[in-house]
Amino acid sequence: MRYFEAVPDRGELIATKQAELTPAGRLHWYSCEHLEDEQGFLTDQALDPEDDPLEAIPAEEFQRVWPQ
């Protein structure tokens, strides 16, 4: 499952934080402080809800997944 924190910028939706929870329960996270590692990277493409449907969640739910 993927989680994104995103902001609108000039008509596009830009990911500022990205968390990926694997089926095995491992969490991989990316932001401007941690752009990439051997498992993946913060997307450098604008999010497109038409190509990949997004579901808005409360900020509190994202914060439960995001490492402290």
PDB file of N, CA and C in Angstrom:
ATOM      1  N   MET A   1       0.844  -1.168   0.000  1.00  0.00           N
ATOM      2  CA  MET A   1       0.000   0.000   0.000  1.00  0.00           C
ATOM      3  C   MET A   1       0.892   1.235   0.000  1.00  0.00           C
ATOM      4  N   ARG A   2       0.519   2.214  -0.771  1.00  0.00           N
ATOM      5  CA  ARG A   2       1.273   3.466  -0.841  1.00  0.00           C
ATOM      6  C   ARG A   2       0.467   4.599  -0.242  1.00  0.00           C
ATOM      7  N   TYR A   3       1.182   5.453   0.476  1.00  0.00           N
ATOM      8  CA  TYR A   3       0.603   6.651   1.062  1.00  0.00           C
ATOM      9  C   TYR A   3       1.414   7.843   0.573  1.00  0.00           C
ATOM     10  N   PHE A   4       0.731   8.925   0.230  1.00  0.00           N
ATOM     11  CA  PHE A   4       1.406  10.143  -0.205  1.00  0.00           C
ATOM     12  C   PHE A   4       0.888  11.328   0.592  1.00  0.00           C
ATOM     13  N   GLU A   5       1.796  12.241   0.908  1.00  0.00           N
ATOM     14  CA  GLU A   5       1.407  13.577   1.337  1.00  0.00           C
ATOM     15  C   GLU A   5       1.754  14.435   0.135  1.00  0.00           C
ATOM     16  N   ALA A   6       0.795  15.195  -0.355  1.00  0.00           N
ATOM     17  CA  ALA A   6       1.011  15.940  -1.589  1.00  0.00           C
ATOM     18  C   ALA A   6       0.463  17.352  -1.467  1.00  0.00           C
ATOM     19  N   VAL A   7       1.026  18.233  -2.290  1.00  0.00           N
ATOM     20  CA  VAL A   7       0.585  19.623  -2.324  1.00  0.00           C
ATOM     21  C   VAL A   7       0.338  20.022  -3.775  1.00  0.00           C
ATOM     22  N   PRO A   8      -0.657  20.891  -4.001  1.00  0.00           N
ATOM     23  CA  PRO A   8      -0.868  21.380  -5.365  1.00  0.00           C
ATOM     24  C   PRO A   8       0.221  22.390  -5.729  1.00  0.00           C
ATOM     25  N   ASP A   9       0.681  22.313  -6.964  1.00  0.00           N
ATOM     26  CA  ASP A   9       1.702  23.240  -7.452  1.00  0.00           C
ATOM     27  C   ASP A   9       1.486  23.456  -8.944  1.00  0.00           C
ATOM     28  N   ARG A  10       1.071  24.648  -9.294  1.00  0.00           N
ATOM     29  CA  ARG A  10       0.847  25.023 -10.691  1.00  0.00           C
ATOM     30  C   ARG A  10      -0.012  24.014 -11.447  1.00  0.00           C
ATOM     31  N   GLY A  11      -1.106  23.603 -10.814  1.00  0.00           N
ATOM     32  CA  GLY A  11      -2.051  22.710 -11.461  1.00  0.00           C
ATOM     33  C   GLY A  11      -1.702  21.231 -11.364  1.00  0.00           C
ATOM     34  N   GLU A  12      -0.609  20.896 -10.693  1.00  0.00           N
ATOM     35  CA  GLU A  12      -0.218  19.499 -10.525  1.00  0.00           C
ATOM     36  C   GLU A  12      -0.214  19.149  -9.042  1.00  0.00           C
ATOM     37  N   LEU A  13      -0.275  17.865  -8.760  1.00  0.00           N
ATOM     38  CA  LEU A  13      -0.241  17.363  -7.395  1.00  0.00           C
ATOM     39  C   LEU A  13       1.133  16.739  -7.176  1.00  0.00           C
ATOM     40  N   ILE A  14       1.949  17.363  -6.305  1.00  0.00           N
ATOM     41  CA  ILE A  14       3.337  16.962  -6.094  1.00  0.00           C
ATOM     42  C   ILE A  14       3.484  16.277  -4.740  1.00  0.00           C
ATOM     43  N   ALA A  15       4.066  15.068  -4.765  1.00  0.00           N
ATOM     44  CA  ALA A  15       4.293  14.321  -3.523  1.00  0.00           C
ATOM     45  C   ALA A  15       5.456  14.936  -2.751  1.00  0.00           C
ATOM     46  N   THR A  16       5.216  15.218  -1.472  1.00  0.00           N
ATOM     47  CA  THR A  16       6.281  15.723  -0.602  1.00  0.00           C
ATOM     48  C   THR A  16       6.772  14.637   0.345  1.00  0.00           C
ATOM     49  N   LYS A  17       5.902  13.658   0.607  1.00  0.00           N
ATOM     50  CA  LYS A  17       6.262  12.497   1.421  1.00  0.00           C
ATOM     51  C   LYS A  17       5.592  11.280   0.803  1.00  0.00           C
ATOM     52  N   GLN A  18       6.273  10.151   0.913  1.00  0.00           N
ATOM     53  CA  GLN A  18       5.751   8.911   0.353  1.00  0.00           C
ATOM     54  C   GLN A  18       6.112   7.774   1.303  1.00  0.00           C
ATOM     55  N   ALA A  19       5.127   6.970   1.664  1.00  0.00           N
ATOM     56  CA  ALA A  19       5.353   5.800   2.509  1.00  0.00           C
ATOM     57  C   ALA A  19       4.795   4.590   1.779  1.00  0.00           C
ATOM     58  N   GLU A  20       5.569   3.521   1.759  1.00  0.00           N
ATOM     59  CA  GLU A  20       5.124   2.291   1.117  1.00  0.00           C
ATOM     60  C   GLU A  20       5.196   1.166   2.132  1.00  0.00           C
ATOM     61  N   LEU A  21       4.061   0.539   2.374  1.00  0.00           N
ATOM     62  CA  LEU A  21       3.966  -0.575   3.300  1.00  0.00           C
ATOM     63  C   LEU A  21       3.862  -1.852   2.471  1.00  0.00           C
ATOM     64  N   THR A  22       4.851  -2.736   2.589  1.00  0.00           N
ATOM     65  CA  THR A  22       4.884  -3.963   1.802  1.00  0.00           C
ATOM     66  C   THR A  22       3.926  -5.000   2.385  1.00  0.00           C
ATOM     67  N   PRO A  23       3.556  -6.011   1.608  1.00  0.00           N
ATOM     68  CA  PRO A  23       2.706  -7.085   2.142  1.00  0.00           C
ATOM     69  C   PRO A  23       3.339  -7.781   3.354  1.00  0.00           C
ATOM     70  N   ALA A  24       4.675  -7.768   3.424  1.00  0.00           N
ATOM     71  CA  ALA A  24       5.374  -8.383   4.559  1.00  0.00           C
ATOM     72  C   ALA A  24       5.400  -7.468   5.781  1.00  0.00           C
ATOM     73  N   GLY A  25       4.844  -6.254   5.648  1.00  0.00           N
ATOM     74  CA  GLY A  25       4.785  -5.337   6.775  1.00  0.00           C
ATOM     75  C   GLY A  25       5.976  -4.408   6.911  1.00  0.00           C
ATOM     76  N   ARG A  26       6.887  -4.405   5.936  1.00  0.00           N
ATOM     77  CA  ARG A  26       8.023  -3.466   5.979  1.00  0.00           C
ATOM     78  C   ARG A  26       7.589  -2.110   5.480  1.00  0.00           C
ATOM     79  N   LEU A  27       8.100  -1.067   6.100  1.00  0.00           N
ATOM     80  CA  LEU A  27       7.782   0.301   5.713  1.00  0.00           C
ATOM     81  C   LEU A  27       8.999   0.940   5.057  1.00  0.00           C
ATOM     82  N   HIS A  28       8.790   1.488   3.881  1.00  0.00           N
ATOM     83  CA  HIS A  28       9.813   2.276   3.200  1.00  0.00           C
ATOM     84  C   HIS A  28       9.245   3.686   3.101  1.00  0.00           C
ATOM     85  N   TRP A  29      10.053   4.681   3.430  1.00  0.00           N
ATOM     86  CA  TRP A  29       9.555   6.051   3.419  1.00  0.00           C
ATOM     87  C   TRP A  29      10.560   6.971   2.737  1.00  0.00           C
ATOM     88  N   TYR A  30      10.011   8.008   2.105  1.00  0.00           N
ATOM     89  CA  TYR A  30      10.838   8.944   1.333  1.00  0.00           C
ATOM     90  C   TYR A  30      10.280  10.358   1.488  1.00  0.00           C
ATOM     91  N   SER A  31      11.193  11.309   1.521  1.00  0.00           N
ATOM     92  CA  SER A  31      10.847  12.729   1.597  1.00  0.00           C
ATOM     93  C   SER A  31      12.083  13.502   1.153  1.00  0.00           C
ATOM     94  N   CYS A  32      12.047  14.829   1.287  1.00  0.00           N
ATOM     95  CA  CYS A  32      13.231  15.611   0.911  1.00  0.00           C
ATOM     96  C   CYS A  32      14.417  15.309   1.825  1.00  0.00           C
ATOM     97  N   GLU A  33      14.159  14.793   3.037  1.00  0.00           N
ATOM     98  CA  GLU A  33      15.251  14.412   3.944  1.00  0.00           C
ATOM     99  C   GLU A  33      15.805  13.025   3.636  1.00  0.00           C
ATOM    100  N   HIS A  34      15.048  12.212   2.924  1.00  0.00           N
ATOM    101  CA  HIS A  34      15.437  10.822   2.601  1.00  0.00           C
ATOM    102  C   HIS A  34      14.877  10.519   1.213  1.00  0.00           C
ATOM    103  N   LEU A  35      15.590  10.971   0.167  1.00  0.00           N
ATOM    104  CA  LEU A  35      15.065  10.868  -1.196  1.00  0.00           C
ATOM    105  C   LEU A  35      15.032   9.454  -1.741  1.00  0.00           C
ATOM    106  N   GLU A  36      16.043   8.643  -1.402  1.00  0.00           N
ATOM    107  CA  GLU A  36      16.092   7.305  -1.976  1.00  0.00           C
ATOM    108  C   GLU A  36      16.942   6.376  -1.126  1.00  0.00           C
ATOM    109  N   ASP A  37      16.759   5.096  -1.370  1.00  0.00           N
ATOM    110  CA  ASP A  37      17.595   4.065  -0.772  1.00  0.00           C
ATOM    111  C   ASP A  37      17.580   2.875  -1.721  1.00  0.00           C
ATOM    112  N   GLU A  38      18.106   1.754  -1.282  1.00  0.00           N
ATOM    113  CA  GLU A  38      18.183   0.601  -2.176  1.00  0.00           C
ATOM    114  C   GLU A  38      16.816  -0.006  -2.485  1.00  0.00           C
ATOM    115  N   GLN A  39      15.772   0.381  -1.759  1.00  0.00           N
ATOM    116  CA  GLN A  39      14.427  -0.156  -1.969  1.00  0.00           C
ATOM    117  C   GLN A  39      13.566   0.700  -2.896  1.00  0.00           C
ATOM    118  N   GLY A  40      13.897   1.994  -3.036  1.00  0.00           N
ATOM    119  CA  GLY A  40      13.074   2.866  -3.860  1.00  0.00           C
ATOM    120  C   GLY A  40      13.431   4.320  -3.693  1.00  0.00           C
ATOM    121  N   PHE A  41      12.497   5.202  -4.084  1.00  0.00           N
ATOM    122  CA  PHE A  41      12.760   6.641  -4.052  1.00  0.00           C
ATOM    123  C   PHE A  41      11.456   7.424  -4.040  1.00  0.00           C
ATOM    124  N   LEU A  42      11.565   8.702  -3.633  1.00  0.00           N
ATOM    125  CA  LEU A  42      10.429   9.612  -3.696  1.00  0.00           C
ATOM    126  C   LEU A  42      10.113   9.875  -5.161  1.00  0.00           C
ATOM    127  N   THR A  43       8.856   9.688  -5.525  1.00  0.00           N
ATOM    128  CA  THR A  43       8.486   9.882  -6.922  1.00  0.00           C
ATOM    129  C   THR A  43       8.867  11.282  -7.393  1.00  0.00           C
ATOM    130  N   ASP A  44       9.350  11.359  -8.619  1.00  0.00           N
ATOM    131  CA  ASP A  44       9.715  12.658  -9.188  1.00  0.00           C
ATOM    132  C   ASP A  44       8.688  13.096 -10.231  1.00  0.00           C
ATOM    133  N   GLN A  45       7.580  12.372 -10.301  1.00  0.00           N
ATOM    134  CA  GLN A  45       6.509  12.700 -11.236  1.00  0.00           C
ATOM    135  C   GLN A  45       5.303  13.205 -10.463  1.00  0.00           C
ATOM    136  N   ALA A  46       4.561  14.101 -11.071  1.00  0.00           N
ATOM    137  CA  ALA A  46       3.322  14.576 -10.456  1.00  0.00           C
ATOM    138  C   ALA A  46       2.347  13.404 -10.332  1.00  0.00           C
ATOM    139  N   LEU A  47       1.558  13.402  -9.273  1.00  0.00           N
ATOM    140  CA  LEU A  47       0.533  12.377  -9.097  1.00  0.00           C
ATOM    141  C   LEU A  47      -0.629  12.704 -10.031  1.00  0.00           C
ATOM    142  N   ASP A  48      -1.148  11.700 -10.694  1.00  0.00           N
ATOM    143  CA  ASP A  48      -2.251  11.897 -11.630  1.00  0.00           C
ATOM    144  C   ASP A  48      -3.427  11.012 -11.211  1.00  0.00           C
ATOM    145  N   PRO A  49      -4.402  11.578 -10.514  1.00  0.00           N
ATOM    146  CA  PRO A  49      -5.534  10.779 -10.033  1.00  0.00           C
ATOM    147  C   PRO A  49      -6.309  10.086 -11.153  1.00  0.00           C
ATOM    148  N   GLU A  50      -6.219  10.579 -12.379  1.00  0.00           N
ATOM    149  CA  GLU A  50      -6.921   9.925 -13.487  1.00  0.00           C
ATOM    150  C   GLU A  50      -6.234   8.624 -13.889  1.00  0.00           C
ATOM    151  N   ASP A  51      -4.910   8.569 -13.809  1.00  0.00           N
ATOM    152  CA  ASP A  51      -4.168   7.361 -14.160  1.00  0.00           C
ATOM    153  C   ASP A  51      -4.111   6.374 -13.004  1.00  0.00           C
ATOM    154  N   ASP A  52      -4.032   6.874 -11.785  1.00  0.00           N
ATOM    155  CA  ASP A  52      -3.926   6.030 -10.602  1.00  0.00           C
ATOM    156  C   ASP A  52      -4.840   6.618  -9.543  1.00  0.00           C
ATOM    157  N   PRO A  53      -6.054   6.080  -9.419  1.00  0.00           N
ATOM    158  CA  PRO A  53      -7.016   6.668  -8.477  1.00  0.00           C
ATOM    159  C   PRO A  53      -6.441   6.802  -7.061  1.00  0.00           C
ATOM    160  N   LEU A  54      -6.683   7.943  -6.467  1.00  0.00           N
ATOM    161  CA  LEU A  54      -6.219   8.231  -5.113  1.00  0.00           C
ATOM    162  C   LEU A  54      -7.409   8.322  -4.178  1.00  0.00           C
ATOM    163  N   GLU A  55      -7.180   7.936  -2.943  1.00  0.00           N
ATOM    164  CA  GLU A  55      -8.213   8.055  -1.915  1.00  0.00           C
ATOM    165  C   GLU A  55      -7.677   8.979  -0.833  1.00  0.00           C
ATOM    166  N   ALA A  56      -8.360  10.072  -0.601  1.00  0.00           N
ATOM    167  CA  ALA A  56      -7.943  11.001   0.450  1.00  0.00           C
ATOM    168  C   ALA A  56      -8.174  10.362   1.811  1.00  0.00           C
ATOM    169  N   ILE A  57      -7.203  10.542   2.696  1.00  0.00           N
ATOM    170  CA  ILE A  57      -7.320  10.048   4.069  1.00  0.00           C
ATOM    171  C   ILE A  57      -7.024  11.201   5.012  1.00  0.00           C
ATOM    172  N   PRO A  58      -7.498  11.127   6.243  1.00  0.00           N
ATOM    173  CA  PRO A  58      -7.182  12.188   7.207  1.00  0.00           C
ATOM    174  C   PRO A  58      -5.676  12.243   7.471  1.00  0.00           C
ATOM    175  N   ALA A  59      -5.178  13.436   7.758  1.00  0.00           N
ATOM    176  CA  ALA A  59      -3.754  13.615   8.065  1.00  0.00           C
ATOM    177  C   ALA A  59      -3.314  12.725   9.217  1.00  0.00           C
ATOM    178  N   GLU A  60      -4.198  12.512  10.179  1.00  0.00           N
ATOM    179  CA  GLU A  60      -3.860  11.678  11.328  1.00  0.00           C
ATOM    180  C   GLU A  60      -3.542  10.244  10.903  1.00  0.00           C
ATOM    181  N   GLU A  61      -4.259   9.735   9.919  1.00  0.00           N
ATOM    182  CA  GLU A  61      -3.995   8.376   9.437  1.00  0.00           C
ATOM    183  C   GLU A  61      -2.625   8.303   8.760  1.00  0.00           C
ATOM    184  N   PHE A  62      -2.291   9.307   7.972  1.00  0.00           N
ATOM    185  CA  PHE A  62      -0.965   9.337   7.357  1.00  0.00           C
ATOM    186  C   PHE A  62       0.123   9.398   8.440  1.00  0.00           C
ATOM    187  N   GLN A  63      -0.089  10.210   9.461  1.00  0.00           N
ATOM    188  CA  GLN A  63       0.902  10.342  10.528  1.00  0.00           C
ATOM    189  C   GLN A  63       1.100   9.045  11.312  1.00  0.00           C
ATOM    190  N   ARG A  64       0.065   8.192  11.369  1.00  0.00           N
ATOM    191  CA  ARG A  64       0.227   6.893  12.035  1.00  0.00           C
ATOM    192  C   ARG A  64       1.190   6.001  11.266  1.00  0.00           C
ATOM    193  N   VAL A  65       1.242   6.150   9.943  1.00  0.00           N
ATOM    194  CA  VAL A  65       2.128   5.333   9.109  1.00  0.00           C
ATOM    195  C   VAL A  65       3.524   5.944   9.035  1.00  0.00           C
ATOM    196  N   TRP A  66       3.593   7.271   9.014  1.00  0.00           N
ATOM    197  CA  TRP A  66       4.870   7.968   8.812  1.00  0.00           C
ATOM    198  C   TRP A  66       5.789   7.770  10.020  1.00  0.00           C
ATOM    199  N   PRO A  67       7.061   7.414   9.783  1.00  0.00           N
ATOM    200  CA  PRO A  67       7.984   7.216  10.921  1.00  0.00           C
ATOM    201  C   PRO A  67       8.229   8.519  11.676  1.00  0.00           C
ATOM    202  N   GLN A  68       8.314   8.415  12.970  1.00  0.00           N
ATOM    203  CA  GLN A  68       8.543   9.604  13.825  1.00  0.00           C
ATOM    204  C   GLN A  68      10.002   9.880  14.008  1.00  0.00           C
TER     205      GLN A  68
END
